[in-house]
Amino acid sequence: MADWLEHSVFVEVDVPIDLAWSLWSDLEQMPNWMKWIESVRILEEDPELSRWKLATGGLEFSWLSRIVKLVPHQIIQWESVDGLPNRGAIRFYDRKGRSTVKMTVAYSIPSLLGKLMDNLFLGRVVESTIQADLDRFRDYALAAQRRQ
């Protein structure tokens, strides 16, 4: 038996939606701003599938993820199909020359582990990490815009 925990965070980015979308939709570039993600590799045989590797504090997890919904400039939604159980979405909102990027992520933890750990503490750690990742994305996008 498992419990699903879900978190949502967002960031305002002073770049046009086209740039925010193009940077984020290149999944293999995510380790540039996502601290815990060590690598992302799109599978040649099926570009909707990607192999993810998370590494932090000596722990390593991997999973195969499938894009289940993709609407350009609006949403990338995924779910894991093996490995670490997770799902979520990145949503993009056009703010007339600026963008809002919102990430929702859900992951499964064993019920026993959830009862042993303080879910509120775990949630704060995950949310602060994801928020820091989005803040790094904002900086990455602004740097990319300056290079254009």
Protein backbone atom coordinates (compact mmCIF):
# COMPACT_ATOMS: atom_id res chain seq x y z
CA MET A 1 0.00 0.00 0.00
CA ALA A 2 1.26 3.47 -0.86
CA ASP A 3 0.35 7.09 -0.29
CA TRP A 4 0.60 9.76 -2.99
CA LEU A 5 1.95 13.16 -1.99
CA GLU A 6 1.47 16.14 -4.33
CA HIS A 7 3.13 19.56 -4.45
CA SER A 8 2.71 22.61 -6.69
CA VAL A 9 5.01 25.60 -7.05
CA PHE A 10 5.36 28.35 -9.63
CA VAL A 11 7.75 31.04 -10.78
CA GLU A 12 7.35 34.25 -12.79
CA VAL A 13 9.92 34.44 -15.59
CA ASP A 14 10.67 37.64 -17.52
CA VAL A 15 10.98 35.87 -20.86
CA PRO A 16 8.43 35.30 -23.62
CA ILE A 17 6.42 32.08 -23.48
CA ASP A 18 8.16 30.78 -26.65
CA LEU A 19 11.54 30.81 -24.90
CA ALA A 20 10.25 29.34 -21.62
CA TRP A 21 8.55 26.55 -23.57
CA SER A 22 11.53 25.76 -25.80
CA LEU A 23 13.92 25.52 -22.85
CA TRP A 24 11.68 23.34 -20.70
CA SER A 25 10.45 21.08 -23.49
CA ASP A 26 14.08 20.05 -24.17
CA LEU A 27 13.92 17.50 -21.34
CA GLU A 28 17.57 16.47 -21.60
CA GLN A 29 18.58 19.99 -20.49
CA MET A 30 16.73 19.75 -17.15
CA PRO A 31 19.82 18.82 -15.10
CA ASN A 32 20.99 22.39 -15.85
CA TRP A 33 18.43 23.73 -13.38
CA MET A 34 17.03 20.75 -11.49
CA LYS A 35 19.42 20.03 -8.62
CA TRP A 36 18.40 16.43 -7.91
CA ILE A 37 18.12 15.33 -11.54
CA GLU A 38 21.41 13.83 -12.64
CA SER A 39 20.34 12.92 -16.18
CA VAL A 40 17.42 12.69 -18.59
CA ARG A 41 17.69 10.69 -21.79
CA ILE A 42 14.98 10.59 -24.47
CA LEU A 43 14.60 7.07 -25.90
CA GLU A 44 15.33 6.93 -29.61
CA GLU A 45 12.77 4.19 -30.21
CA ASP A 46 9.96 6.22 -28.62
CA PRO A 47 10.43 10.00 -28.13
CA GLU A 48 7.48 10.09 -25.69
CA LEU A 49 9.58 8.00 -23.27
CA SER A 50 12.52 9.26 -21.26
CA ARG A 51 14.84 7.65 -18.71
CA TRP A 52 15.37 9.82 -15.60
CA LYS A 53 18.02 9.49 -12.93
CA LEU A 54 17.73 11.29 -9.59
CA ALA A 55 20.73 11.41 -7.26
CA THR A 56 21.01 13.15 -3.91
CA GLY A 57 22.76 12.48 -0.63
CA GLY A 58 24.15 9.17 -1.83
CA LEU A 59 20.71 7.93 -2.90
CA GLU A 60 19.92 7.12 -6.52
CA PHE A 61 16.57 6.49 -8.15
CA SER A 62 15.66 6.02 -11.78
CA TRP A 63 12.45 5.72 -13.69
CA LEU A 64 11.02 5.61 -17.16
CA SER A 65 8.57 8.41 -17.84
CA ARG A 66 5.95 8.84 -20.56
CA ILE A 67 4.57 12.13 -21.82
CA VAL A 68 0.81 11.68 -21.53
CA LYS A 69 -0.24 15.17 -22.63
CA LEU A 70 1.66 17.79 -24.56
CA VAL A 71 0.06 21.04 -25.70
CA PRO A 72 2.73 23.42 -27.04
CA HIS A 73 3.15 26.58 -24.96
CA GLN A 74 0.65 25.26 -22.39
CA ILE A 75 1.39 21.92 -20.72
CA ILE A 76 3.71 18.94 -20.51
CA GLN A 77 2.15 16.18 -18.42
CA TRP A 78 3.94 12.94 -17.53
CA GLU A 79 3.70 9.76 -15.52
CA SER A 80 6.29 7.15 -14.66
CA VAL A 81 5.82 3.75 -16.24
CA ASP A 82 8.51 1.97 -14.20
CA GLY A 83 10.88 2.72 -11.37
CA LEU A 84 10.16 5.58 -8.94
CA PRO A 85 6.37 6.14 -9.02
CA ASN A 86 5.64 9.77 -9.94
CA ARG A 87 3.46 11.95 -12.14
CA GLY A 88 2.94 15.61 -12.74
CA ALA A 89 2.71 18.53 -15.11
CA ILE A 90 4.47 21.71 -16.10
CA ARG A 91 2.05 24.44 -17.11
CA PHE A 92 2.96 27.62 -18.96
CA TYR A 93 0.99 30.85 -18.83
CA ASP A 94 1.61 33.68 -21.30
CA ARG A 95 1.80 37.04 -19.52
CA LYS A 96 2.41 39.19 -22.63
CA GLY A 97 6.20 39.07 -22.86
CA ARG A 98 6.57 37.30 -19.53
CA SER A 99 5.72 33.75 -18.47
CA THR A 100 4.45 31.93 -15.43
CA VAL A 101 5.72 28.38 -15.08
CA LYS A 102 3.85 26.11 -12.64
CA MET A 103 5.05 22.65 -11.70
CA THR A 104 2.89 20.05 -10.01
CA VAL A 105 4.55 16.81 -9.00
CA ALA A 106 3.12 13.79 -7.18
CA TYR A 107 5.06 10.78 -5.96
CA SER A 108 4.23 7.59 -4.17
CA ILE A 109 5.78 6.58 -0.87
CA PRO A 110 5.08 3.37 1.04
CA SER A 111 2.32 3.91 3.60
CA LEU A 112 4.53 2.58 6.39
CA LEU A 113 7.24 5.12 5.51
CA GLY A 114 4.63 7.88 5.38
CA LYS A 115 3.47 7.00 8.89
CA LEU A 116 7.04 6.91 10.22
CA MET A 117 8.04 10.22 8.65
CA ASP A 118 6.44 13.58 9.24
CA ASN A 119 4.74 14.14 5.87
CA LEU A 120 4.61 17.86 6.55
CA PHE A 121 8.39 17.96 6.96
CA LEU A 122 8.91 15.84 3.84
CA GLY A 123 6.50 18.08 1.94
CA ARG A 124 8.36 21.25 2.98
CA VAL A 125 11.68 19.75 1.85
CA VAL A 126 10.25 18.68 -1.52
CA GLU A 127 8.45 21.98 -2.12
CA SER A 128 11.49 24.08 -1.21
CA THR A 129 13.65 21.95 -3.51
CA ILE A 130 11.21 22.24 -6.41
CA GLN A 131 10.86 25.99 -5.83
CA ALA A 132 14.66 26.34 -5.89
CA ASP A 133 14.68 24.37 -9.16
CA LEU A 134 12.12 26.74 -10.68
CA ASP A 135 14.12 29.74 -9.46
CA ARG A 136 17.20 28.26 -11.19
CA PHE A 137 15.07 27.78 -14.32
CA ARG A 138 14.14 31.48 -14.20
CA ASP A 139 17.83 32.41 -14.02
CA TYR A 140 18.68 29.91 -16.79
CA ALA A 141 15.94 31.34 -19.03
CA LEU A 142 17.04 34.93 -18.41
CA ALA A 143 20.64 33.99 -19.29
CA ALA A 144 19.41 32.24 -22.46
CA GLN A 145 17.47 35.35 -23.43
CA ARG A 146 20.58 37.53 -23.00
CA ARG A 147 22.53 35.17 -25.29
CA GLN A 148 19.97 35.55 -28.09
